[in-house]
Amino acid sequence: MDMNKIGEQVALIAEKRESLVRLLEQPDLGTLRIDVNQAIEEMDDLLDDFKRTFPELQETI
């Protein structure tokens, strides 16, 4: 896979993270809040790993 393509895909993941953050702000989320919070944490870990592995592509996210 092309490095630029990888950067584009990771940028899409970063954009989806914002949707989860907005969802987390909903007052009627109930126990789903735990799952949304976990998803955000895992996305953050993924993005951190990407930045460490491909520092030259950091500007894409």
C-alpha atoms as a PDB file:
ATOM      1  CA  MET A   1       0.000   0.000   0.000  1.00  0.00           C
ATOM      2  CA  ASP A   2       1.205   3.498  -0.852  1.00  0.00           C
ATOM      3  CA  MET A   3       2.370   5.673   2.086  1.00  0.00           C
ATOM      4  CA  ASN A   4       0.115   8.528   1.011  1.00  0.00           C
ATOM      5  CA  LYS A   5      -2.865   6.180   0.882  1.00  0.00           C
ATOM      6  CA  ILE A   6      -2.104   5.040   4.427  1.00  0.00           C
ATOM      7  CA  GLY A   7      -1.954   8.670   5.534  1.00  0.00           C
ATOM      8  CA  GLU A   8      -5.313   9.371   3.903  1.00  0.00           C
ATOM      9  CA  GLN A   9      -6.929   6.394   5.614  1.00  0.00           C
ATOM     10  CA  VAL A  10      -5.575   7.415   9.017  1.00  0.00           C
ATOM     11  CA  ALA A  11      -6.827  10.975   8.427  1.00  0.00           C
ATOM     12  CA  LEU A  12     -10.318   9.523   7.857  1.00  0.00           C
ATOM     13  CA  ILE A  13     -10.072   7.675  11.157  1.00  0.00           C
ATOM     14  CA  ALA A  14      -9.064  10.902  12.899  1.00  0.00           C
ATOM     15  CA  GLU A  15     -12.127  12.624  11.445  1.00  0.00           C
ATOM     16  CA  LYS A  16     -14.397   9.844  12.736  1.00  0.00           C
ATOM     17  CA  ARG A  17     -12.975  10.372  16.214  1.00  0.00           C
ATOM     18  CA  GLU A  18     -14.621  13.775  16.359  1.00  0.00           C
ATOM     19  CA  SER A  19     -17.995  12.135  15.731  1.00  0.00           C
ATOM     20  CA  LEU A  20     -17.444   9.881  18.728  1.00  0.00           C
ATOM     21  CA  VAL A  21     -16.499  12.847  20.894  1.00  0.00           C
ATOM     22  CA  ARG A  22     -19.752  14.586  19.932  1.00  0.00           C
ATOM     23  CA  LEU A  23     -21.674  11.380  20.671  1.00  0.00           C
ATOM     24  CA  LEU A  24     -20.056  11.194  24.092  1.00  0.00           C
ATOM     25  CA  GLU A  25     -21.541  14.612  24.895  1.00  0.00           C
ATOM     26  CA  GLN A  26     -25.100  13.280  24.521  1.00  0.00           C
ATOM     27  CA  PRO A  27     -26.791  13.137  27.933  1.00  0.00           C
ATOM     28  CA  ASP A  28     -28.959  10.094  27.119  1.00  0.00           C
ATOM     29  CA  LEU A  29     -26.133   7.754  26.096  1.00  0.00           C
ATOM     30  CA  GLY A  30     -26.483   5.478  29.118  1.00  0.00           C
ATOM     31  CA  THR A  31     -24.151   2.503  29.360  1.00  0.00           C
ATOM     32  CA  LEU A  32     -23.110   2.989  25.734  1.00  0.00           C
ATOM     33  CA  ARG A  33     -20.933   5.823  27.082  1.00  0.00           C
ATOM     34  CA  ILE A  34     -18.423   3.203  28.260  1.00  0.00           C
ATOM     35  CA  ASP A  35     -18.092   1.730  24.760  1.00  0.00           C
ATOM     36  CA  VAL A  36     -17.801   5.137  23.091  1.00  0.00           C
ATOM     37  CA  ASN A  37     -15.146   6.195  25.572  1.00  0.00           C
ATOM     38  CA  GLN A  38     -13.230   2.955  24.945  1.00  0.00           C
ATOM     39  CA  ALA A  39     -13.416   3.505  21.179  1.00  0.00           C
ATOM     40  CA  ILE A  40     -11.999   7.011  21.581  1.00  0.00           C
ATOM     41  CA  GLU A  41      -9.143   5.704  23.714  1.00  0.00           C
ATOM     42  CA  GLU A  42      -8.318   2.997  21.173  1.00  0.00           C
ATOM     43  CA  MET A  43      -8.413   5.495  18.309  1.00  0.00           C
ATOM     44  CA  ASP A  44      -6.048   7.758  20.251  1.00  0.00           C
ATOM     45  CA  ASP A  45      -3.672   4.825  20.734  1.00  0.00           C
ATOM     46  CA  LEU A  46      -3.855   4.015  17.033  1.00  0.00           C
ATOM     47  CA  LEU A  47      -3.157   7.615  16.044  1.00  0.00           C
ATOM     48  CA  ASP A  48      -0.222   7.816  18.480  1.00  0.00           C
ATOM     49  CA  ASP A  49       1.233   4.596  17.067  1.00  0.00           C
ATOM     50  CA  PHE A  50       0.850   5.941  13.541  1.00  0.00           C
ATOM     51  CA  LYS A  51       2.634   9.178  14.439  1.00  0.00           C
ATOM     52  CA  ARG A  52       5.523   7.246  15.990  1.00  0.00           C
ATOM     53  CA  THR A  53       5.775   4.808  13.095  1.00  0.00           C
ATOM     54  CA  PHE A  54       5.370   7.311  10.262  1.00  0.00           C
ATOM     55  CA  PRO A  55       6.574  10.683  11.562  1.00  0.00           C
ATOM     56  CA  GLU A  56       6.907  11.973   7.993  1.00  0.00           C
ATOM     57  CA  LEU A  57       3.137  11.637   7.504  1.00  0.00           C
ATOM     58  CA  GLN A  58       2.082  13.479  10.673  1.00  0.00           C
ATOM     59  CA  GLU A  59       0.830  16.466   8.723  1.00  0.00           C
ATOM     60  CA  THR A  60      -1.872  14.298   7.126  1.00  0.00           C
ATOM     61  CA  ILE A  61      -3.709  13.923  10.434  1.00  0.00           C
END
